[in-house]
Amino acid sequence: MRSPVNRVLFNIVSDKIEASARFYEELVGFKRLYTSDWYIVLVPEEGPALELGIIDRQSDITPSGTAGTPAGSYLTLVVENVEDSFKRAQSMNIDIIEKPTALGYGQTRMLIRDPNGLIVDISSPTQS
């Protein structure tokens, strides 16, 4: 018998959890669901369809194998209008890896790097 999934939570390991939380709050409007000195949980304004956790790299709870720079994964956030997010990213002086680019599968994507080195794909349906 399988146990059903009750939550989906992606954790970002960080040396600067407060700055990282503000990054996502300012860029795409996440709000805080939980805050402690070692862990912050963010959710979309509309509710917790996804939870984004930011955990202190030095916490005893952080798995030891995750202490390095993120590799082999990236976070995708689908927004209503990627161009708005691009303008916001520019005003925040975010490291923009790829400007919004229409891709063949119907999405327009930009790639940025968060304060922890994690690559973040911000996408929206391509406007016609």
C-alpha atoms as a PDB file:
ATOM      1  CA  MET A   1       0.000   0.000   0.000  1.00  0.00           C
ATOM      2  CA  ARG A   2       1.302   3.454  -0.914  1.00  0.00           C
ATOM      3  CA  SER A   3       1.132   6.391   1.437  1.00  0.00           C
ATOM      4  CA  PRO A   4      -0.327   9.514  -0.263  1.00  0.00           C
ATOM      5  CA  VAL A   5       1.743  12.698  -0.486  1.00  0.00           C
ATOM      6  CA  ASN A   6       0.343  15.425   1.766  1.00  0.00           C
ATOM      7  CA  ARG A   7       2.801  18.240   0.972  1.00  0.00           C
ATOM      8  CA  VAL A   8       5.405  19.126  -1.617  1.00  0.00           C
ATOM      9  CA  LEU A   9       8.255  21.164  -0.151  1.00  0.00           C
ATOM     10  CA  PHE A  10      11.491  22.223  -1.850  1.00  0.00           C
ATOM     11  CA  ASN A  11      14.259  23.332   0.516  1.00  0.00           C
ATOM     12  CA  ILE A  12      17.055  25.727  -0.428  1.00  0.00           C
ATOM     13  CA  VAL A  13      20.177  25.471   1.725  1.00  0.00           C
ATOM     14  CA  SER A  14      21.395  28.971   2.551  1.00  0.00           C
ATOM     15  CA  ASP A  15      23.984  30.925   4.501  1.00  0.00           C
ATOM     16  CA  LYS A  16      21.625  33.944   4.455  1.00  0.00           C
ATOM     17  CA  ILE A  17      18.103  32.695   5.059  1.00  0.00           C
ATOM     18  CA  GLU A  18      16.578  36.136   5.716  1.00  0.00           C
ATOM     19  CA  ALA A  19      18.065  37.687   2.550  1.00  0.00           C
ATOM     20  CA  SER A  20      17.035  34.623   0.549  1.00  0.00           C
ATOM     21  CA  ALA A  21      13.458  34.816   1.824  1.00  0.00           C
ATOM     22  CA  ARG A  22      13.270  38.531   0.947  1.00  0.00           C
ATOM     23  CA  PHE A  23      14.603  37.701  -2.546  1.00  0.00           C
ATOM     24  CA  TYR A  24      11.624  35.425  -3.270  1.00  0.00           C
ATOM     25  CA  GLU A  25       9.138  37.683  -1.482  1.00  0.00           C
ATOM     26  CA  GLU A  26      10.180  40.689  -3.542  1.00  0.00           C
ATOM     27  CA  LEU A  27      10.682  38.929  -6.873  1.00  0.00           C
ATOM     28  CA  VAL A  28       7.494  36.848  -7.106  1.00  0.00           C
ATOM     29  CA  GLY A  29       5.373  37.759  -4.075  1.00  0.00           C
ATOM     30  CA  PHE A  30       5.809  34.704  -1.875  1.00  0.00           C
ATOM     31  CA  LYS A  31       4.567  35.193   1.689  1.00  0.00           C
ATOM     32  CA  ARG A  32       5.825  33.641   4.902  1.00  0.00           C
ATOM     33  CA  LEU A  33       4.046  30.663   6.351  1.00  0.00           C
ATOM     34  CA  TYR A  34       6.650  29.998   9.064  1.00  0.00           C
ATOM     35  CA  THR A  35       9.764  31.791  10.354  1.00  0.00           C
ATOM     36  CA  SER A  36      12.420  30.720  12.858  1.00  0.00           C
ATOM     37  CA  ASP A  37      16.087  31.556  13.287  1.00  0.00           C
ATOM     38  CA  TRP A  38      17.126  28.549  11.159  1.00  0.00           C
ATOM     39  CA  TYR A  39      14.196  27.975   8.765  1.00  0.00           C
ATOM     40  CA  ILE A  40      11.670  29.992   6.764  1.00  0.00           C
ATOM     41  CA  VAL A  41       8.765  28.565   4.749  1.00  0.00           C
ATOM     42  CA  LEU A  42       7.352  30.606   1.874  1.00  0.00           C
ATOM     43  CA  VAL A  43       4.142  30.001  -0.083  1.00  0.00           C
ATOM     44  CA  PRO A  44       2.468  31.703  -3.045  1.00  0.00           C
ATOM     45  CA  GLU A  45       0.061  34.500  -2.062  1.00  0.00           C
ATOM     46  CA  GLU A  46      -2.865  32.369  -3.257  1.00  0.00           C
ATOM     47  CA  GLY A  47      -2.064  29.606  -0.785  1.00  0.00           C
ATOM     48  CA  PRO A  48       0.318  26.748  -0.156  1.00  0.00           C
ATOM     49  CA  ALA A  49       0.169  24.774  -3.431  1.00  0.00           C
ATOM     50  CA  LEU A  50       3.960  24.645  -3.104  1.00  0.00           C
ATOM     51  CA  GLU A  51       6.079  25.412  -0.095  1.00  0.00           C
ATOM     52  CA  LEU A  52       9.567  26.809  -0.519  1.00  0.00           C
ATOM     53  CA  GLY A  53      11.751  26.257   2.517  1.00  0.00           C
ATOM     54  CA  ILE A  54      14.984  28.138   3.135  1.00  0.00           C
ATOM     55  CA  ILE A  55      17.150  26.404   5.704  1.00  0.00           C
ATOM     56  CA  ASP A  56      20.337  27.554   7.368  1.00  0.00           C
ATOM     57  CA  ARG A  57      23.334  25.674   5.992  1.00  0.00           C
ATOM     58  CA  GLN A  58      24.718  25.341   9.547  1.00  0.00           C
ATOM     59  CA  SER A  59      21.534  23.876  11.061  1.00  0.00           C
ATOM     60  CA  ASP A  60      21.758  20.435  12.664  1.00  0.00           C
ATOM     61  CA  ILE A  61      18.658  19.533  10.643  1.00  0.00           C
ATOM     62  CA  THR A  62      20.293  20.214   7.238  1.00  0.00           C
ATOM     63  CA  PRO A  63      21.383  16.913   5.629  1.00  0.00           C
ATOM     64  CA  SER A  64      25.196  16.839   5.456  1.00  0.00           C
ATOM     65  CA  GLY A  65      25.310  16.050   1.730  1.00  0.00           C
ATOM     66  CA  THR A  66      23.496  19.266   0.813  1.00  0.00           C
ATOM     67  CA  ALA A  67      25.985  21.767   2.202  1.00  0.00           C
ATOM     68  CA  GLY A  68      27.607  22.712  -1.135  1.00  0.00           C
ATOM     69  CA  THR A  69      26.444  24.928  -3.986  1.00  0.00           C
ATOM     70  CA  PRO A  70      23.295  23.557  -5.668  1.00  0.00           C
ATOM     71  CA  ALA A  71      24.034  21.358  -8.683  1.00  0.00           C
ATOM     72  CA  GLY A  72      21.979  19.104 -10.901  1.00  0.00           C
ATOM     73  CA  SER A  73      18.685  20.806 -10.105  1.00  0.00           C
ATOM     74  CA  TYR A  74      16.829  24.055 -10.622  1.00  0.00           C
ATOM     75  CA  LEU A  75      13.622  25.600  -9.363  1.00  0.00           C
ATOM     76  CA  THR A  76      10.852  26.556 -11.817  1.00  0.00           C
ATOM     77  CA  LEU A  77       8.300  29.218 -10.916  1.00  0.00           C
ATOM     78  CA  VAL A  78       5.464  29.685 -13.408  1.00  0.00           C
ATOM     79  CA  VAL A  79       4.138  33.240 -13.252  1.00  0.00           C
ATOM     80  CA  GLU A  80       1.441  35.142 -15.096  1.00  0.00           C
ATOM     81  CA  ASN A  81       3.870  37.345 -17.050  1.00  0.00           C
ATOM     82  CA  VAL A  82       7.596  36.608 -17.226  1.00  0.00           C
ATOM     83  CA  GLU A  83       8.289  40.077 -18.675  1.00  0.00           C
ATOM     84  CA  ASP A  84       7.040  41.647 -15.423  1.00  0.00           C
ATOM     85  CA  SER A  85       9.351  39.345 -13.462  1.00  0.00           C
ATOM     86  CA  PHE A  86      12.230  40.258 -15.777  1.00  0.00           C
ATOM     87  CA  LYS A  87      11.722  43.976 -15.107  1.00  0.00           C
ATOM     88  CA  ARG A  88      11.546  43.238 -11.385  1.00  0.00           C
ATOM     89  CA  ALA A  89      14.737  41.158 -11.541  1.00  0.00           C
ATOM     90  CA  GLN A  90      16.532  43.981 -13.341  1.00  0.00           C
ATOM     91  CA  SER A  91      15.441  46.502 -10.690  1.00  0.00           C
ATOM     92  CA  MET A  92      16.719  44.126  -7.978  1.00  0.00           C
ATOM     93  CA  ASN A  93      20.097  43.709  -9.745  1.00  0.00           C
ATOM     94  CA  ILE A  94      19.626  39.940  -9.863  1.00  0.00           C
ATOM     95  CA  ASP A  95      22.117  37.791 -11.775  1.00  0.00           C
ATOM     96  CA  ILE A  96      20.174  37.191 -15.005  1.00  0.00           C
ATOM     97  CA  ILE A  97      21.550  34.159 -16.840  1.00  0.00           C
ATOM     98  CA  GLU A  98      19.065  34.261 -19.725  1.00  0.00           C
ATOM     99  CA  LYS A  99      16.642  37.039 -20.666  1.00  0.00           C
ATOM    100  CA  PRO A 100      13.050  35.994 -21.422  1.00  0.00           C
ATOM    101  CA  THR A 101      13.146  33.684 -24.424  1.00  0.00           C
ATOM    102  CA  ALA A 102      10.177  32.081 -26.192  1.00  0.00           C
ATOM    103  CA  LEU A 103      10.730  28.328 -26.359  1.00  0.00           C
ATOM    104  CA  GLY A 104       9.229  25.838 -28.795  1.00  0.00           C
ATOM    105  CA  TYR A 105       6.918  24.212 -26.267  1.00  0.00           C
ATOM    106  CA  GLY A 106       4.797  27.339 -25.636  1.00  0.00           C
ATOM    107  CA  GLN A 107       6.588  28.853 -22.647  1.00  0.00           C
ATOM    108  CA  THR A 108       8.698  31.980 -22.355  1.00  0.00           C
ATOM    109  CA  ARG A 109      11.504  31.458 -19.874  1.00  0.00           C
ATOM    110  CA  MET A 110      14.149  33.504 -18.131  1.00  0.00           C
ATOM    111  CA  LEU A 111      16.895  32.049 -15.991  1.00  0.00           C
ATOM    112  CA  ILE A 112      18.295  33.785 -12.918  1.00  0.00           C
ATOM    113  CA  ARG A 113      20.540  32.860 -10.030  1.00  0.00           C
ATOM    114  CA  ASP A 114      19.256  33.267  -6.470  1.00  0.00           C
ATOM    115  CA  PRO A 115      21.465  34.482  -3.573  1.00  0.00           C
ATOM    116  CA  ASN A 116      22.494  30.867  -2.862  1.00  0.00           C
ATOM    117  CA  GLY A 117      23.642  30.066  -6.408  1.00  0.00           C
ATOM    118  CA  LEU A 118      20.475  28.103  -7.251  1.00  0.00           C
ATOM    119  CA  ILE A 119      19.313  28.527 -10.854  1.00  0.00           C
ATOM    120  CA  VAL A 120      15.680  29.626 -10.997  1.00  0.00           C
ATOM    121  CA  ASP A 121      13.582  29.257 -14.165  1.00  0.00           C
ATOM    122  CA  ILE A 122      10.830  31.886 -14.242  1.00  0.00           C
ATOM    123  CA  SER A 123       8.342  31.045 -16.991  1.00  0.00           C
ATOM    124  CA  SER A 124       4.942  31.959 -18.350  1.00  0.00           C
ATOM    125  CA  PRO A 125       2.899  30.856 -21.356  1.00  0.00           C
ATOM    126  CA  THR A 126       4.191  32.579 -24.488  1.00  0.00           C
ATOM    127  CA  GLN A 127       1.986  35.553 -25.339  1.00  0.00           C
ATOM    128  CA  SER A 128       0.798  35.609 -28.959  1.00  0.00           C
END
